[in-house]
Amino acid sequence: MIVFRYFARAILTNTVAVTAVLLLVIVSSRFVKYLAEAAAGKLDPAVLFAIIGFRLPEFLELILPLAFFLSILLAYGQLYVDSEMTVLRACGMGEGTVIRYTLLVALLIAALVAILSLVASPAGLSRAEALVNAQKQRGEIESLTPGRFYSLRAGRGTTYAEDISDDGRMHGVFLAQSGDGDEAQSKGMVVVVAEHGYSRQSEQTGERYLVLENGLRVQGTPGRADYQLTRFAEFGQRLDSVKPWELRAESEAMSTMALINSDDPEHRATVQWRISLPVMVLVVALMAVPLSRTNPRQGKFVKVLPAILLYVLYLLSLNAARGALEEGALPPWAGMLWVHGLFLLIALALVGWNSGWRRIAQSGARGGGH
């Protein structure tokens, strides 16, 4: 039990550290992407952190299997480099005991990944989808940020509001528009300044308008003197709706029970993908034990690269099987089981080679040499 606690502490400590690093990288990249969407007016900046928070379970369900796999390699590799594993084996602890202790820790991680993939991740994505869908109801004016210029109508117009009150009413409004081609030559540029402005939706057509109050409209071509100046008490400008921003596929945000009760191939593939993640944790844990074995002279990182390549191959195979299921190229009963079975055989072959086959092969090679 002392050895088990020692192994578990080493593995879990490395798992937390690797997970934190990978999570920081992924969250940073996603945040930059969402920030670009917010700058384009497709997403409200106020919901950025909420969306990131709701998607954390989705990030963790993908990070944890890799982090756990790397943690076993690093933890056991360090034990081999420090000759601690050699001492333990000399005291009678065999390969089977190491595997059993590792799988006990793997069961804990697999249970956590199962909760994330089957429950927490779809629930978080559903909440994030609700926030994103709310953006579809927003017009261009609702995307404005006080004190910055904002493009309208595919870059053909620019608007600015000095201040925006809590009820959405704007103060100190500026609007500039220019046409394309012949329209630009005939109408030139239109500049509007107004004291106040607000968004209004037509009850008949459903279109949204920017309504400006107490302002001045200037129309003309720069460099010419035939400008038209119009003072107004109220002026309306039709607004284009913001193109909705897509977060993920619909099936990703559905609950696991809803997917199970569905006959859609895409939904079935999604269910099997969610189940595959905790199964993957157990398989890669078994695979990592023989891969972590190293010579003290070589260092603990010598097998990290080939191990990662094997992990990537495993993940790509699962993705390929998922795509085949969605397209109906694989029968539902086969699913992704064949991928797990294949890599389980690879893991067992590595364990066998590490336990006895290597010595048999080496003995045969020496016997053949004599």
Protein backbone atom coordinates (compact mmCIF):
# COMPACT_ATOMS: atom_id res chain seq x y z
CA MET A 1 0.00 0.00 0.00
CA ILE A 2 2.92 2.35 0.67
CA VAL A 3 4.28 1.72 -2.82
CA PHE A 4 0.83 2.26 -4.33
CA ARG A 5 0.48 5.62 -2.58
CA TYR A 6 3.95 6.55 -3.77
CA PHE A 7 3.07 5.67 -7.37
CA ALA A 8 -0.33 7.39 -7.18
CA ARG A 9 1.14 10.59 -5.76
CA ALA A 10 3.83 10.74 -8.44
CA ILE A 11 1.35 10.10 -11.26
CA LEU A 12 -1.38 12.44 -10.01
CA THR A 13 1.08 15.26 -9.28
CA ASN A 14 2.41 15.07 -12.82
CA THR A 15 -1.13 14.80 -14.17
CA VAL A 16 -2.20 18.02 -12.46
CA ALA A 17 0.90 19.85 -13.69
CA VAL A 18 0.61 18.67 -17.30
CA THR A 19 -3.15 19.32 -17.34
CA ALA A 20 -2.63 22.87 -16.08
CA VAL A 21 -0.07 23.60 -18.82
CA LEU A 22 -2.17 22.11 -21.63
CA LEU A 23 -5.32 23.79 -20.36
CA LEU A 24 -3.57 27.16 -20.27
CA VAL A 25 -2.45 26.72 -23.88
CA ILE A 26 -5.91 25.69 -25.13
CA VAL A 27 -7.81 28.34 -23.17
CA SER A 28 -5.41 31.03 -24.39
CA SER A 29 -5.84 30.03 -28.04
CA ARG A 30 -9.64 29.85 -27.69
CA PHE A 31 -9.76 33.20 -25.92
CA VAL A 32 -7.84 34.84 -28.77
CA LYS A 33 -10.31 33.33 -31.26
CA TYR A 34 -13.33 34.49 -29.29
CA LEU A 35 -11.78 37.93 -28.89
CA ALA A 36 -11.51 38.18 -32.68
CA GLU A 37 -15.18 37.21 -32.98
CA ALA A 38 -16.09 39.86 -30.43
CA ALA A 39 -14.05 42.46 -32.31
CA ALA A 40 -15.97 41.55 -35.48
CA GLY A 41 -19.24 42.16 -33.65
CA LYS A 42 -20.36 38.52 -33.75
CA LEU A 43 -20.04 38.02 -30.02
CA ASP A 44 -20.69 40.19 -27.00
CA PRO A 45 -17.42 40.76 -25.10
CA ALA A 46 -19.35 40.46 -21.84
CA VAL A 47 -19.95 36.72 -22.40
CA LEU A 48 -16.38 35.75 -23.34
CA PHE A 49 -15.36 34.44 -19.92
CA ALA A 50 -18.74 32.75 -19.44
CA ILE A 51 -18.32 30.79 -22.68
CA ILE A 52 -14.76 29.82 -21.73
CA GLY A 53 -16.00 28.64 -18.33
CA PHE A 54 -18.82 26.56 -19.80
CA ARG A 55 -16.40 24.91 -22.24
CA LEU A 56 -13.81 23.97 -19.61
CA PRO A 57 -15.29 20.44 -19.16
CA GLU A 58 -14.99 19.90 -22.92
CA PHE A 59 -11.36 20.98 -22.86
CA LEU A 60 -10.59 18.80 -19.82
CA GLU A 61 -12.16 15.66 -21.28
CA LEU A 62 -9.66 15.83 -24.14
CA ILE A 63 -6.69 17.00 -22.09
CA LEU A 64 -6.89 14.52 -19.20
CA PRO A 65 -6.22 11.30 -21.19
CA LEU A 66 -3.11 12.82 -22.78
CA ALA A 67 -1.96 14.40 -19.51
CA PHE A 68 -2.40 11.11 -17.66
CA PHE A 69 -0.53 9.20 -20.37
CA LEU A 70 2.40 11.64 -20.26
CA SER A 71 2.37 11.64 -16.46
CA ILE A 72 2.87 7.87 -16.31
CA LEU A 73 5.74 8.13 -18.77
CA LEU A 74 7.40 10.92 -16.79
CA ALA A 75 6.76 9.49 -13.33
CA TYR A 76 7.90 5.95 -14.07
CA GLY A 77 10.68 7.21 -16.32
CA GLN A 78 12.04 9.17 -13.36
CA LEU A 79 11.83 6.05 -11.19
CA TYR A 80 13.89 4.13 -13.74
CA VAL A 81 16.44 6.95 -14.03
CA ASP A 82 16.82 7.06 -10.23
CA SER A 83 17.05 3.23 -10.16
CA GLU A 84 14.08 3.13 -7.75
CA MET A 85 12.15 0.82 -10.05
CA THR A 86 15.14 -1.51 -10.20
CA VAL A 87 15.25 -1.67 -6.41
CA LEU A 88 11.51 -2.36 -6.24
CA ARG A 89 11.83 -5.20 -8.74
CA ALA A 90 14.74 -6.62 -6.78
CA CYS A 91 12.45 -6.64 -3.72
CA GLY A 92 9.96 -8.83 -5.56
CA MET A 93 7.57 -6.34 -7.18
CA GLY A 94 6.87 -7.60 -10.67
CA GLU A 95 5.47 -6.03 -13.82
CA GLY A 96 1.96 -7.22 -12.95
CA THR A 97 1.98 -5.31 -9.66
CA VAL A 98 3.05 -2.10 -11.39
CA ILE A 99 0.30 -2.53 -13.97
CA ARG A 100 -2.30 -3.22 -11.27
CA TYR A 101 -1.33 -0.13 -9.29
CA THR A 102 -1.37 1.97 -12.46
CA LEU A 103 -4.79 0.74 -13.52
CA LEU A 104 -6.21 1.55 -10.08
CA VAL A 105 -5.17 5.17 -10.56
CA ALA A 106 -6.40 4.99 -14.17
CA LEU A 107 -9.85 3.97 -12.94
CA LEU A 108 -10.06 7.21 -10.96
CA ILE A 109 -9.05 9.31 -13.97
CA ALA A 110 -11.38 7.33 -16.26
CA ALA A 111 -14.31 7.95 -13.89
CA LEU A 112 -13.54 11.68 -13.92
CA VAL A 113 -13.31 11.72 -17.72
CA ALA A 114 -16.59 9.78 -17.95
CA ILE A 115 -18.35 12.40 -15.81
CA LEU A 116 -16.91 15.15 -17.96
CA SER A 117 -17.70 13.57 -21.33
CA LEU A 118 -21.12 12.11 -20.51
CA VAL A 119 -22.56 14.83 -18.27
CA ALA A 120 -20.53 17.99 -17.66
CA SER A 121 -19.28 18.67 -21.19
CA PRO A 122 -22.66 18.49 -22.99
CA ALA A 123 -24.28 20.52 -20.20
CA GLY A 124 -21.58 23.19 -20.47
CA LEU A 125 -21.82 23.28 -24.26
CA SER A 126 -25.59 23.62 -24.00
CA ARG A 127 -25.17 26.67 -21.74
CA ALA A 128 -22.55 28.12 -24.08
CA GLU A 129 -24.88 27.52 -27.05
CA ALA A 130 -27.62 29.43 -25.23
CA LEU A 131 -25.30 32.41 -24.89
CA VAL A 132 -24.28 32.22 -28.55
CA ASN A 133 -27.89 31.85 -29.72
CA ALA A 134 -28.74 34.98 -27.78
CA GLN A 135 -26.30 36.81 -30.05
CA LYS A 136 -28.48 35.94 -33.06
CA GLN A 137 -31.15 38.24 -31.71
CA ARG A 138 -28.76 41.15 -31.48
CA GLY A 139 -28.64 43.82 -34.15
CA GLU A 140 -25.56 45.76 -35.12
CA ILE A 141 -26.29 48.51 -32.61
CA GLU A 142 -26.30 46.04 -29.74
CA SER A 143 -22.75 45.13 -30.80
CA LEU A 144 -21.46 48.65 -30.31
CA THR A 145 -18.93 49.51 -27.66
CA PRO A 146 -18.87 53.11 -26.45
CA GLY A 147 -15.90 55.12 -27.58
CA ARG A 148 -14.87 53.00 -30.59
CA PHE A 149 -15.65 53.04 -34.29
CA TYR A 150 -17.62 50.11 -35.65
CA SER A 151 -18.15 48.94 -39.24
CA LEU A 152 -21.64 48.50 -40.64
CA ARG A 153 -22.98 46.90 -43.81
CA ALA A 154 -19.90 44.86 -44.77
CA GLY A 155 -17.54 47.78 -44.27
CA ARG A 156 -19.61 50.28 -46.29
CA GLY A 157 -20.46 52.29 -43.20
CA THR A 158 -18.92 53.34 -39.91
CA THR A 159 -20.65 54.40 -36.74
CA TYR A 160 -19.51 55.72 -33.39
CA ALA A 161 -21.22 56.44 -30.07
CA GLU A 162 -19.61 58.56 -27.40
CA ASP A 163 -21.67 56.94 -24.68
CA ILE A 164 -24.37 54.26 -24.38
CA SER A 165 -26.75 54.20 -21.43
CA ASP A 166 -27.97 51.05 -19.72
CA ASP A 167 -31.21 51.05 -21.71
CA GLY A 168 -29.27 51.03 -25.02
CA ARG A 169 -29.78 54.70 -25.82
CA MET A 170 -26.73 56.26 -27.48
CA HIS A 171 -25.38 59.77 -27.01
CA GLY A 172 -23.04 61.65 -29.32
CA VAL A 173 -23.65 59.51 -32.41
CA PHE A 174 -21.61 59.60 -35.63
CA LEU A 175 -22.53 57.69 -38.82
CA ALA A 176 -20.60 57.71 -42.11
CA GLN A 177 -21.63 55.78 -45.24
CA SER A 178 -20.25 55.44 -48.76
CA GLY A 179 -21.61 53.52 -51.73
CA ASP A 180 -19.91 51.18 -54.17
CA GLY A 181 -19.13 51.93 -57.83
CA ASP A 182 -21.84 54.03 -59.55
CA GLU A 183 -23.60 54.57 -56.25
CA ALA A 184 -20.48 56.18 -54.81
CA GLN A 185 -20.21 58.52 -57.83
CA SER A 186 -23.88 59.54 -57.75
CA LYS A 187 -24.43 59.88 -54.01
CA GLY A 188 -20.90 60.34 -52.72
CA MET A 189 -20.44 60.05 -48.96
CA VAL A 190 -23.10 60.53 -46.30
CA VAL A 191 -22.09 61.73 -42.83
CA VAL A 192 -24.61 61.99 -40.02
CA VAL A 193 -24.06 63.39 -36.53
CA ALA A 194 -26.80 63.36 -33.90
CA GLU A 195 -27.29 64.05 -30.24
CA HIS A 196 -29.06 60.77 -29.49
CA GLY A 197 -29.82 57.43 -31.12
CA TYR A 198 -31.44 54.10 -30.42
CA SER A 199 -32.36 50.82 -32.09
CA ARG A 200 -35.93 50.13 -33.24
CA GLN A 201 -37.43 47.01 -34.82
CA SER A 202 -40.23 47.26 -37.38
CA GLU A 203 -43.35 45.34 -36.38
CA GLN A 204 -44.34 44.77 -40.03
CA THR A 205 -41.03 43.56 -41.54
CA GLY A 206 -38.99 42.68 -38.47
CA GLU A 207 -36.08 44.76 -39.79
CA ARG A 208 -34.03 46.81 -37.37
CA TYR A 209 -33.32 50.53 -37.74
CA LEU A 210 -30.95 53.01 -36.20
CA VAL A 211 -33.07 56.00 -35.24
CA LEU A 212 -31.14 59.26 -34.71
CA GLU A 213 -32.53 62.39 -33.09
CA ASN A 214 -31.61 66.08 -33.36
CA GLY A 215 -28.78 65.93 -35.86
CA LEU A 216 -27.26 66.96 -39.16
CA ARG A 217 -26.94 64.94 -42.39
CA VAL A 218 -24.23 65.87 -44.89
CA GLN A 219 -24.11 64.25 -48.36
CA GLY A 220 -21.54 64.90 -51.07
CA THR A 221 -18.33 63.93 -52.80
CA PRO A 222 -15.02 64.94 -51.18
CA GLY A 223 -13.30 67.64 -53.23
CA ARG A 224 -16.54 69.07 -54.64
CA ALA A 225 -18.63 71.98 -53.35
CA ASP A 226 -22.14 70.61 -54.03
CA TYR A 227 -22.81 69.26 -50.55
CA GLN A 228 -26.35 68.77 -49.27
CA LEU A 229 -26.96 69.65 -45.62
CA THR A 230 -30.11 68.49 -43.91
CA ARG A 231 -31.05 69.10 -40.30
CA PHE A 232 -33.49 66.65 -38.80
CA ALA A 233 -35.40 65.92 -35.65
CA GLU A 234 -35.49 62.19 -36.41
CA PHE A 235 -33.62 60.12 -39.00
CA GLY A 236 -33.82 56.35 -39.58
CA GLN A 237 -31.20 54.02 -41.10
CA ARG A 238 -31.84 50.33 -41.76
CA LEU A 239 -29.34 47.97 -40.14
CA ASP A 240 -28.17 44.55 -41.25
CA SER A 241 -28.37 41.81 -38.65
CA VAL A 242 -25.13 40.33 -37.38
CA LYS A 243 -24.26 37.00 -38.94
CA PRO A 244 -24.61 34.37 -36.19
CA TRP A 245 -21.49 32.76 -34.89
CA GLU A 246 -21.51 28.97 -34.81
CA LEU A 247 -20.01 27.32 -31.73
CA ARG A 248 -20.14 23.55 -32.27
CA ALA A 249 -22.30 20.91 -33.92
CA GLU A 250 -25.76 20.50 -32.43
CA SER A 251 -25.11 16.92 -31.32
CA GLU A 252 -22.20 18.02 -29.13
CA ALA A 253 -24.53 20.00 -26.87
CA MET A 254 -27.20 17.28 -26.61
CA SER A 255 -27.49 15.23 -23.43
CA THR A 256 -26.18 11.68 -23.51
CA MET A 257 -29.64 10.18 -22.86
CA ALA A 258 -31.10 12.14 -25.78
CA LEU A 259 -28.34 10.84 -28.04
CA ILE A 260 -28.86 7.24 -26.89
CA ASN A 261 -32.59 7.44 -27.71
CA SER A 262 -31.86 8.76 -31.20
CA ASP A 263 -31.42 6.66 -34.36
CA ASP A 264 -29.41 9.34 -36.15
CA PRO A 265 -25.94 8.00 -37.16
CA GLU A 266 -24.30 11.26 -36.07
CA HIS A 267 -25.88 10.99 -32.63
CA ARG A 268 -24.79 7.37 -32.27
CA ALA A 269 -21.25 8.31 -33.23
CA THR A 270 -21.27 11.09 -30.64
CA VAL A 271 -22.38 8.68 -27.90
CA GLN A 272 -19.64 6.22 -28.76
CA TRP A 273 -17.09 9.03 -28.83
CA ARG A 274 -18.08 10.10 -25.32
CA ILE A 275 -17.80 6.53 -24.07
CA SER A 276 -14.48 6.05 -25.86
CA LEU A 277 -12.70 8.77 -23.89
CA PRO A 278 -12.76 7.00 -20.46
CA VAL A 279 -12.00 3.67 -22.18
CA MET A 280 -9.05 5.34 -23.83
CA VAL A 281 -7.66 6.32 -20.42
CA LEU A 282 -7.47 2.65 -19.37
CA VAL A 283 -5.88 1.51 -22.63
CA VAL A 284 -3.21 4.24 -22.70
CA ALA A 285 -2.43 3.58 -19.01
CA LEU A 286 -1.69 -0.05 -19.85
CA MET A 287 0.32 1.10 -22.84
CA ALA A 288 2.34 3.63 -20.86
CA VAL A 289 3.74 1.14 -18.33
CA PRO A 290 6.04 -0.73 -20.76
CA LEU A 291 6.77 2.45 -22.73
CA SER A 292 8.06 4.17 -19.58
CA ARG A 293 10.80 1.60 -19.09
CA THR A 294 14.15 3.17 -19.87
CA ASN A 295 17.83 2.83 -19.19
CA PRO A 296 19.17 5.28 -16.54
CA ARG A 297 21.79 6.41 -19.04
CA GLN A 298 19.17 7.31 -21.64
CA GLY A 299 17.03 9.59 -19.46
CA LYS A 300 13.30 9.63 -18.86
CA PHE A 301 12.40 11.45 -22.09
CA VAL A 302 13.85 8.93 -24.53
CA LYS A 303 10.52 7.22 -25.24
CA VAL A 304 8.24 10.22 -24.89
CA LEU A 305 8.23 11.07 -28.61
CA PRO A 306 7.38 7.57 -29.92
CA ALA A 307 4.79 7.25 -27.15
CA ILE A 308 3.13 10.52 -28.20
CA LEU A 309 3.12 9.38 -31.84
CA LEU A 310 1.37 6.17 -30.76
CA TYR A 311 -1.16 8.20 -28.76
CA VAL A 312 -1.82 10.50 -31.74
CA LEU A 313 -2.35 7.45 -33.96
CA TYR A 314 -4.85 6.13 -31.42
CA LEU A 315 -6.75 9.43 -31.34
CA LEU A 316 -6.74 9.77 -35.14
CA SER A 317 -8.08 6.22 -35.48
CA LEU A 318 -10.94 7.06 -33.11
CA ASN A 319 -11.73 10.19 -35.12
CA ALA A 320 -11.67 8.21 -38.36
CA ALA A 321 -14.02 5.60 -36.86
CA ARG A 322 -16.33 8.37 -35.69
CA GLY A 323 -16.46 9.87 -39.17
CA ALA A 324 -17.18 6.45 -40.68
CA LEU A 325 -20.02 5.94 -38.18
CA GLU A 326 -21.53 9.32 -39.01
CA GLU A 327 -21.48 8.48 -42.71
CA GLY A 328 -22.91 5.00 -42.12
CA ALA A 329 -19.79 3.25 -43.45
CA LEU A 330 -19.48 1.18 -40.24
CA PRO A 331 -22.25 -0.84 -38.56
CA PRO A 332 -23.40 0.65 -35.23
CA TRP A 333 -22.51 -2.49 -33.30
CA ALA A 334 -18.88 -2.29 -34.41
CA GLY A 335 -18.49 1.40 -33.71
CA MET A 336 -15.16 2.30 -32.18
CA LEU A 337 -14.68 -1.01 -30.36
CA TRP A 338 -12.31 -2.27 -33.03
CA VAL A 339 -10.01 0.73 -32.44
CA HIS A 340 -9.86 0.10 -28.70
CA GLY A 341 -9.37 -3.62 -29.34
CA LEU A 342 -6.50 -2.96 -31.73
CA PHE A 343 -4.63 -0.67 -29.35
CA LEU A 344 -5.37 -2.96 -26.42
CA LEU A 345 -3.59 -5.72 -28.35
CA ILE A 346 -0.69 -3.32 -28.96
CA ALA A 347 -0.57 -2.53 -25.23
CA LEU A 348 -0.61 -6.24 -24.31
CA ALA A 349 2.12 -6.90 -26.87
CA LEU A 350 4.25 -4.15 -25.32
CA VAL A 351 3.64 -5.58 -21.84
CA GLY A 352 4.55 -9.06 -23.04
CA TRP A 353 7.68 -7.81 -24.77
CA ASN A 354 8.69 -5.88 -21.66
CA SER A 355 8.00 -8.83 -19.34
CA GLY A 356 9.40 -11.90 -21.02
CA TRP A 357 9.47 -11.87 -24.77
CA ARG A 358 12.45 -9.52 -24.82
CA ARG A 359 14.52 -11.88 -22.69
CA ILE A 360 13.47 -14.86 -24.81
CA ALA A 361 14.40 -12.99 -27.99
CA GLN A 362 17.72 -11.90 -26.53
CA SER A 363 18.48 -15.47 -25.36
CA GLY A 364 17.63 -16.81 -28.80
CA ALA A 365 19.89 -14.22 -30.41
CA ARG A 366 22.79 -15.15 -28.12
CA GLY A 367 22.18 -18.86 -28.72
CA GLY A 368 22.15 -18.31 -32.45
CA GLY A 369 25.40 -16.38 -32.20
CA HIS A 370 27.13 -19.31 -30.50
